N, C-alpha and C. Protein backbone atom coordinates (compact mmCIF):
# COMPACT_ATOMS: atom_id res chain seq x y z
N MET A 1 0.91 -0.91 0.09
CA MET A 1 0.15 0.03 0.01
C MET A 1 0.94 1.16 -0.13
N ARG A 2 0.35 2.31 -0.49
CA ARG A 2 0.95 3.81 -0.86
C ARG A 2 0.44 4.62 0.62
N TYR A 3 1.23 5.47 1.11
CA TYR A 3 0.66 6.38 1.98
C TYR A 3 -0.39 6.99 1.89
N GLY A 4 -1.16 7.14 3.02
CA GLY A 4 -2.59 7.33 2.68
C GLY A 4 -3.67 6.56 2.15
N GLU A 5 -3.12 5.39 1.38
CA GLU A 5 -4.29 4.70 0.76
C GLU A 5 -4.78 3.75 1.60
N LYS A 6 -6.23 3.54 1.19
CA LYS A 6 -6.96 2.65 2.11
C LYS A 6 -7.24 1.34 1.48
N GLY A 7 -7.71 0.31 2.17
CA GLY A 7 -7.85 -1.18 1.59
C GLY A 7 -8.70 -2.01 2.71
N ARG A 8 -9.12 -3.13 2.18
CA ARG A 8 -9.79 -3.67 2.98
C ARG A 8 -9.18 -4.95 3.34
N ILE A 9 -8.69 -5.45 4.36
CA ILE A 9 -8.04 -6.91 4.67
C ILE A 9 -8.89 -8.06 4.09
N VAL A 10 -8.24 -8.83 3.54
CA VAL A 10 -9.01 -10.15 2.85
C VAL A 10 -8.45 -11.36 3.28
N GLU A 11 -7.15 -11.25 3.81
CA GLU A 11 -6.56 -12.75 4.31
C GLU A 11 -5.14 -12.05 5.30
N ILE A 12 -5.09 -13.21 6.06
CA ILE A 12 -4.05 -13.08 7.26
C ILE A 12 -3.41 -14.29 7.23
N LYS A 13 -2.14 -14.15 6.48
CA LYS A 13 -1.57 -15.70 6.10
C LYS A 13 -1.58 -16.61 7.09
N THR A 14 -0.77 -16.57 8.37
CA THR A 14 -0.46 -17.36 9.18
C THR A 14 -1.50 -17.26 10.64
N ALA A 15 -1.87 -18.19 11.10
CA ALA A 15 -2.62 -18.47 12.31
C ALA A 15 -1.86 -17.74 13.33
N GLU A 16 -0.85 -18.00 13.57
CA GLU A 16 -0.02 -17.31 14.66
C GLU A 16 -0.25 -15.78 14.58
N ILE A 17 -0.11 -15.21 13.70
CA ILE A 17 -0.23 -13.62 13.42
C ILE A 17 -1.64 -13.31 13.42
N ARG A 18 -2.65 -14.08 12.90
CA ARG A 18 -3.84 -13.80 12.99
C ARG A 18 -4.47 -13.56 14.41
N GLY A 19 -3.86 -14.65 15.14
CA GLY A 19 -4.63 -14.32 16.56
C GLY A 19 -3.81 -13.18 17.69
N ARG A 20 -2.75 -12.80 17.05
CA ARG A 20 -2.10 -11.43 17.48
C ARG A 20 -2.72 -10.37 16.99
N LEU A 21 -3.10 -10.33 15.72
CA LEU A 21 -3.66 -9.41 15.24
C LEU A 21 -5.24 -9.03 15.54
N MET A 22 -5.88 -10.14 15.97
CA MET A 22 -7.34 -10.19 16.30
C MET A 22 -7.20 -9.31 17.76
N GLY A 23 -6.34 -9.55 18.35
CA GLY A 23 -6.30 -8.84 19.95
C GLY A 23 -5.79 -7.19 19.70
N MET A 24 -5.49 -6.56 18.45
CA MET A 24 -5.31 -5.31 17.92
C MET A 24 -6.54 -4.95 17.36
N ASN A 25 -7.55 -5.90 17.03
CA ASN A 25 -9.14 -5.26 16.05
C ASN A 25 -8.54 -5.30 15.05
N ILE A 26 -7.47 -5.91 14.45
CA ILE A 26 -7.04 -6.30 12.83
C ILE A 26 -7.65 -7.52 12.34
N ARG A 27 -8.59 -7.30 11.91
CA ARG A 27 -9.20 -8.47 11.08
C ARG A 27 -9.68 -8.57 9.88
N ILE A 28 -9.79 -9.79 9.08
CA ILE A 28 -10.24 -9.93 7.72
C ILE A 28 -11.60 -9.18 7.79
N GLY A 29 -11.54 -8.44 6.95
CA GLY A 29 -13.16 -7.52 6.26
C GLY A 29 -13.02 -5.84 6.94
N LYS A 30 -11.89 -5.59 7.89
CA LYS A 30 -11.44 -4.43 8.31
C LYS A 30 -11.12 -3.48 7.37
N GLU A 31 -11.22 -2.51 7.16
CA GLU A 31 -10.57 -1.51 6.37
C GLU A 31 -9.50 -0.91 7.32
N VAL A 32 -8.22 -0.78 6.27
CA VAL A 32 -6.95 -0.08 7.19
C VAL A 32 -6.76 1.02 6.24
N LYS A 33 -5.85 1.86 6.84
CA LYS A 33 -5.07 3.17 6.12
C LYS A 33 -3.60 3.19 6.31
N MET A 34 -3.06 3.24 5.33
CA MET A 34 -1.57 3.12 5.65
C MET A 34 -0.96 4.43 5.78
N LEU A 35 -0.37 4.51 7.14
CA LEU A 35 0.17 6.15 7.83
C LEU A 35 1.31 6.28 7.39
N ALA A 36 2.40 5.27 7.80
CA ALA A 36 3.82 5.49 7.32
C ALA A 36 4.57 4.40 7.65
N LYS A 37 5.70 4.32 6.78
CA LYS A 37 6.54 2.90 6.77
C LYS A 37 8.02 3.47 6.85
N GLN A 38 8.39 3.18 7.88
CA GLN A 38 9.72 3.80 8.57
C GLN A 38 10.86 2.54 7.54
N PRO A 39 11.82 3.20 7.12
CA PRO A 39 12.81 2.59 6.46
C PRO A 39 13.75 1.42 7.19
N LEU A 40 14.53 0.70 6.21
CA LEU A 40 15.33 -0.23 6.99
C LEU A 40 14.67 -1.10 7.96
N LYS A 41 13.48 -1.76 7.62
CA LYS A 41 12.81 -2.66 8.17
C LYS A 41 12.29 -2.12 9.65
N GLY A 42 11.64 -0.81 9.22
CA GLY A 42 11.22 -0.26 10.70
C GLY A 42 9.85 -0.67 10.69
N PRO A 43 9.00 -0.13 11.89
CA PRO A 43 7.65 -0.37 11.90
C PRO A 43 6.51 0.03 10.95
N VAL A 44 5.55 -0.32 10.75
CA VAL A 44 4.59 0.20 9.41
C VAL A 44 3.60 0.81 10.33
N ALA A 45 3.19 1.97 10.17
CA ALA A 45 1.89 2.77 11.19
C ALA A 45 0.78 2.39 10.21
N ILE A 46 -0.34 2.27 10.91
CA ILE A 46 -1.60 1.88 9.89
C ILE A 46 -2.62 2.42 11.22
N GLU A 47 -3.95 2.79 10.45
CA GLU A 47 -5.26 3.19 11.33
C GLU A 47 -6.17 2.05 10.93
N VAL A 48 -6.75 1.65 11.68
CA VAL A 48 -8.12 0.64 11.88
C VAL A 48 -9.07 1.21 12.70
N GLU A 49 -10.43 1.57 12.39
CA GLU A 49 -11.49 1.86 12.73
C GLU A 49 -11.05 3.38 13.78
N ASN A 50 -10.34 4.17 13.19
CA ASN A 50 -9.87 5.48 13.57
C ASN A 50 -8.73 5.47 14.95
N ALA A 51 -8.17 4.16 15.10
CA ALA A 51 -7.16 3.76 16.03
C ALA A 51 -6.14 3.68 15.34
N GLN A 52 -5.17 4.21 15.71
CA GLN A 52 -3.54 4.02 14.95
C GLN A 52 -2.65 3.09 15.77
N THR A 53 -1.90 2.29 14.84
CA THR A 53 -0.99 1.25 15.80
C THR A 53 0.08 1.06 14.70
N SER A 54 0.99 0.17 15.49
CA SER A 54 2.22 -0.07 14.49
C SER A 54 2.36 -1.39 14.60
N LEU A 55 2.85 -2.03 13.40
CA LEU A 55 3.30 -3.56 13.32
C LEU A 55 4.87 -3.55 12.70
N SER A 56 5.65 -4.53 12.94
CA SER A 56 6.64 -4.70 12.16
C SER A 56 6.38 -5.17 10.54
N GLN A 57 7.16 -5.12 9.89
CA GLN A 57 7.29 -4.96 8.68
C GLN A 57 7.05 -6.52 8.32
N GLU A 58 7.51 -7.53 9.06
CA GLU A 58 7.36 -8.92 9.04
C GLU A 58 5.82 -9.40 9.05
N MET A 59 5.48 -8.81 10.23
CA MET A 59 3.87 -8.99 10.36
C MET A 59 2.90 -8.06 9.55
N ALA A 60 3.37 -7.23 8.90
CA ALA A 60 2.57 -6.32 8.10
C ALA A 60 2.34 -7.43 6.73
N LYS A 61 3.67 -7.96 6.58
CA LYS A 61 3.70 -8.69 4.90
C LYS A 61 2.45 -9.97 5.19
N GLN A 62 2.49 -10.48 6.20
CA GLN A 62 1.19 -11.36 6.47
C GLN A 62 -0.21 -10.71 6.15
N ILE A 63 -0.53 -9.81 5.86
CA ILE A 63 -1.58 -9.17 6.09
C ILE A 63 -2.14 -8.91 4.30
N VAL A 64 -3.19 -9.38 3.87
CA VAL A 64 -3.36 -9.28 2.40
C VAL A 64 -4.58 -8.22 2.46
N VAL A 65 -4.45 -7.17 1.52
CA VAL A 65 -5.35 -6.05 1.69
C VAL A 65 -5.75 -5.90 0.08
N GLU A 66 -6.89 -5.65 -0.03
CA GLU A 66 -7.40 -5.65 -1.54
C GLU A 66 -7.59 -3.98 -1.48
N VAL A 67 -7.04 -3.28 -2.35
CA VAL A 67 -7.28 -1.73 -2.23
C VAL A 67 -8.20 -1.53 -3.47
């Protein structure tokens, strides 16, 4: 995703990550907005239902978003 772009989560690839993300209210069907991505494998900042959070890039790569 590009900065400021919105999309809907259509898949979370691994069950381990899925459980961790559900605790953060990040689920299949939710709309997400890309806020920022830090260089050199730093965190990715996203917004879900007006709440901002950050994820590691490895965790973010497990989320499939339809734009």
